[in-house]
Structures are given as C-alpha cells and as structure tokens.
C-alpha cells in the first residue's frame, strides 16, 4: 500500500507542480501586462505633455507675433504724431511769417502815408512863405500840397 500511495501521490504531485508552474506563469504574464499598461500610460502622458508644449510654443509664437504687430502699430502712430507735430510747427511758422509780412506791409503803408503828409506840409509851408513873393508859385505849391 505504501507503494500504491506513492504512486497515487506522484500524479497528484505532478499535477500540483504543473498547476503551480501554470499559476506562476500566469502571474508573470499578469505582471508583464501591468508593466506594459504602465509604459503605455506613461508614453501617453509624455505625448500629451509634448503636445501641450508644442501648443504652448505655438501660443508663445502667436503672442510674440501679435506683440511685434502692436509695436509696429505704435511705431507708426508715433511717426504719424511726430509728422503731425512737425506740420503744426510749420503751419505756426507760416502763420507767424504771414503776420510779420502784414505788419511790415502796414508799417510801409504808414511810412508812405507819413512821407506824403510830410511832403504835403512842406509844400504848404513853402506856398505860405512864397505867397507875398510869388503868388502864382504859391498857388501851384498849395495845389500840389
């Protein structure tokens, strides 16, 4: 009977050993599958991070481009403001020169008028002083005055 028990135990033992081996292989396969899933998840995170970085870079590039456009617009506006100020200064200068020309013209007219008045007074004085000496000359001088 001992021999018989050893013989019956032997297939059971072999079956147990085979079962344990299959179980270990199954556990190893499960661990490997979990490892692969973790690797896939990590790669997906890295891909998402790379995509976010690329999108961030694109947003940064668009922001830089927009800032460059704003700077260009500001520079153009500054140039236009400077040109407008220069035009205003030129207009003010032209207005001042026109005012000076008008003053000069008025002063010249006044001088001319004063000159004619002085000449007229001189002729009148000459006519008065020559009235007794040469009445005809005095009359001509008075008409001229």
Protein backbone atom coordinates (compact mmCIF):
# COMPACT_ATOMS: atom_id res chain seq x y z
CA UNK A 1 0.00 0.00 0.00
CA UNK A 2 2.79 2.35 0.59
CA UNK A 3 3.92 1.83 -2.87
CA UNK A 4 0.45 2.41 -4.11
CA UNK A 5 0.16 5.63 -2.11
CA UNK A 6 3.43 6.81 -3.53
CA UNK A 7 2.17 6.07 -6.99
CA UNK A 8 -1.11 7.94 -6.40
CA UNK A 9 0.71 10.81 -4.81
CA UNK A 10 3.06 11.05 -7.66
CA UNK A 11 0.47 12.01 -10.31
CA UNK A 12 -1.16 14.35 -7.80
CA UNK A 13 2.19 15.88 -7.02
CA UNK A 14 2.93 16.24 -10.68
CA UNK A 15 -0.44 17.83 -11.21
CA UNK A 16 0.19 20.20 -8.30
CA UNK A 17 3.59 21.12 -9.61
CA UNK A 18 2.16 21.70 -13.09
CA UNK A 19 -0.62 23.79 -11.56
CA UNK A 20 1.90 25.89 -9.59
CA UNK A 21 4.03 26.35 -12.69
CA UNK A 22 0.98 27.45 -14.70
CA UNK A 23 -0.01 29.78 -11.84
CA UNK A 24 3.49 31.34 -11.71
CA UNK A 25 3.48 31.77 -15.47
CA UNK A 26 0.02 33.36 -15.30
CA UNK A 27 1.17 35.71 -12.53
CA UNK A 28 4.27 36.63 -14.54
CA UNK A 29 2.07 37.31 -17.57
CA UNK A 30 -0.23 39.49 -15.44
CA UNK A 31 2.74 41.43 -14.06
CA UNK A 32 4.10 41.88 -17.60
CA UNK A 33 0.70 43.09 -18.86
CA UNK A 34 0.50 45.59 -15.95
CA UNK A 35 4.04 46.79 -16.77
CA UNK A 36 3.09 47.26 -20.45
CA UNK A 37 -0.04 49.19 -19.46
CA UNK A 38 2.02 51.48 -17.22
CA UNK A 39 4.51 52.02 -20.05
CA UNK A 40 1.65 52.85 -22.46
CA UNK A 41 0.12 55.25 -19.93
CA UNK A 42 3.49 56.92 -19.39
CA UNK A 43 4.02 57.27 -23.14
CA UNK A 44 0.52 58.74 -23.49
CA UNK A 45 1.35 61.27 -20.74
CA UNK A 46 4.62 62.13 -22.45
CA UNK A 47 2.83 62.56 -25.77
CA UNK A 48 0.22 64.78 -24.11
CA UNK A 49 2.98 66.81 -22.46
CA UNK A 50 4.81 67.14 -25.78
CA UNK A 51 1.60 68.24 -27.48
CA UNK A 52 0.94 70.75 -24.68
CA UNK A 53 4.50 72.04 -25.04
CA UNK A 54 4.05 72.36 -28.80
CA UNK A 55 0.74 74.17 -28.32
CA UNK A 56 2.37 76.39 -25.70
CA UNK A 57 5.18 77.15 -28.14
CA UNK A 58 2.66 77.96 -30.84
CA UNK A 59 0.75 80.25 -28.47
CA UNK A 60 4.03 81.91 -27.48
CA UNK A 61 4.92 82.40 -31.15
CA UNK A 62 1.48 83.87 -31.88
CA UNK A 63 1.81 86.13 -28.83
CA UNK A 64 5.24 87.29 -29.97
CA UNK A 65 3.89 87.96 -33.44
CA UNK A 66 0.96 89.93 -32.00
CA UNK A 67 3.36 91.91 -29.79
CA UNK A 68 5.52 92.67 -32.82
CA UNK A 69 2.46 93.91 -34.70
CA UNK A 70 1.45 96.08 -31.74
CA UNK A 71 4.97 97.52 -31.58
CA UNK A 72 4.88 98.24 -35.32
CA UNK A 73 1.49 99.94 -34.98
CA UNK A 74 2.78 102.01 -32.05
CA UNK A 75 5.86 103.00 -34.04
CA UNK A 76 3.68 104.01 -36.99
CA UNK A 77 1.42 106.01 -34.68
CA UNK A 78 4.44 107.71 -33.11
CA UNK A 79 5.76 108.59 -36.55
CA UNK A 80 2.37 109.99 -37.57
CA UNK A 81 2.19 112.01 -34.35
CA UNK A 82 5.67 113.40 -34.93
CA UNK A 83 4.79 114.30 -38.52
CA UNK A 84 1.57 115.99 -37.37
CA UNK A 85 3.52 117.98 -34.77
CA UNK A 86 6.03 118.99 -37.44
CA UNK A 87 3.19 120.06 -39.75
CA UNK A 88 1.69 122.10 -36.90
CA UNK A 89 5.04 123.76 -36.27
CA UNK A 90 5.39 124.57 -39.98
CA UNK A 91 1.87 125.99 -40.02
CA UNK A 92 2.61 128.11 -36.95
CA UNK A 93 5.81 129.37 -38.58
CA UNK A 94 3.98 130.20 -41.81
CA UNK A 95 1.27 131.99 -39.83
CA UNK A 96 3.89 133.98 -37.93
CA UNK A 97 5.65 134.90 -41.17
CA UNK A 98 2.34 135.97 -42.73
CA UNK A 99 1.63 138.09 -39.65
CA UNK A 100 5.07 139.67 -39.85
CA UNK A 101 4.56 140.36 -43.57
CA UNK A 102 1.21 142.02 -42.85
CA UNK A 103 2.76 144.14 -40.09
CA UNK A 104 5.61 145.11 -42.43
CA UNK A 105 3.11 146.00 -45.19
CA UNK A 106 1.07 148.13 -42.77
CA UNK A 107 4.19 149.82 -41.44
CA UNK A 108 5.34 150.53 -45.00
CA UNK A 109 1.92 151.96 -45.84
CA UNK A 110 2.05 154.10 -42.70
CA UNK A 111 5.57 155.32 -43.54
CA UNK A 112 4.43 156.09 -47.09
CA UNK A 113 1.41 157.96 -45.75
CA UNK A 114 3.56 159.89 -43.27
CA UNK A 115 6.03 160.68 -46.05
CA UNK A 116 3.24 162.05 -48.25
CA UNK A 117 1.87 164.03 -45.29
CA UNK A 118 5.31 165.46 -44.55
CA UNK A 119 5.78 166.38 -48.25
CA UNK A 120 2.35 167.98 -48.28
CA UNK A 121 3.15 170.01 -45.15
CA UNK A 122 6.49 171.08 -46.68
CA UNK A 123 4.75 172.22 -49.85
CA UNK A 124 2.08 174.02 -47.84
CA UNK A 125 4.77 175.79 -45.79
CA UNK A 126 6.62 176.73 -48.99
CA UNK A 127 3.40 178.04 -50.53
CA UNK A 128 2.70 180.12 -47.45
CA UNK A 129 6.23 181.53 -47.34
CA UNK A 130 6.18 182.41 -51.08
CA UNK A 131 2.69 183.94 -51.01
CA UNK A 132 3.94 187.53 -50.88
CA UNK A 133 6.98 186.95 -53.13
CA UNK A 134 5.40 184.88 -55.93
CA UNK A 135 1.62 184.37 -55.56
CA UNK A 136 1.37 182.20 -58.69
CA UNK A 137 4.07 179.82 -57.36
CA UNK A 138 2.34 179.79 -54.00
CA UNK A 139 -0.90 178.78 -55.72
CA UNK A 140 0.84 175.92 -57.58
CA UNK A 141 2.55 174.76 -54.39
CA UNK A 142 -0.73 174.86 -52.48
CA UNK A 143 -2.45 172.76 -55.20
CA UNK A 144 0.43 170.29 -55.10
CA UNK A 145 0.22 170.08 -51.31
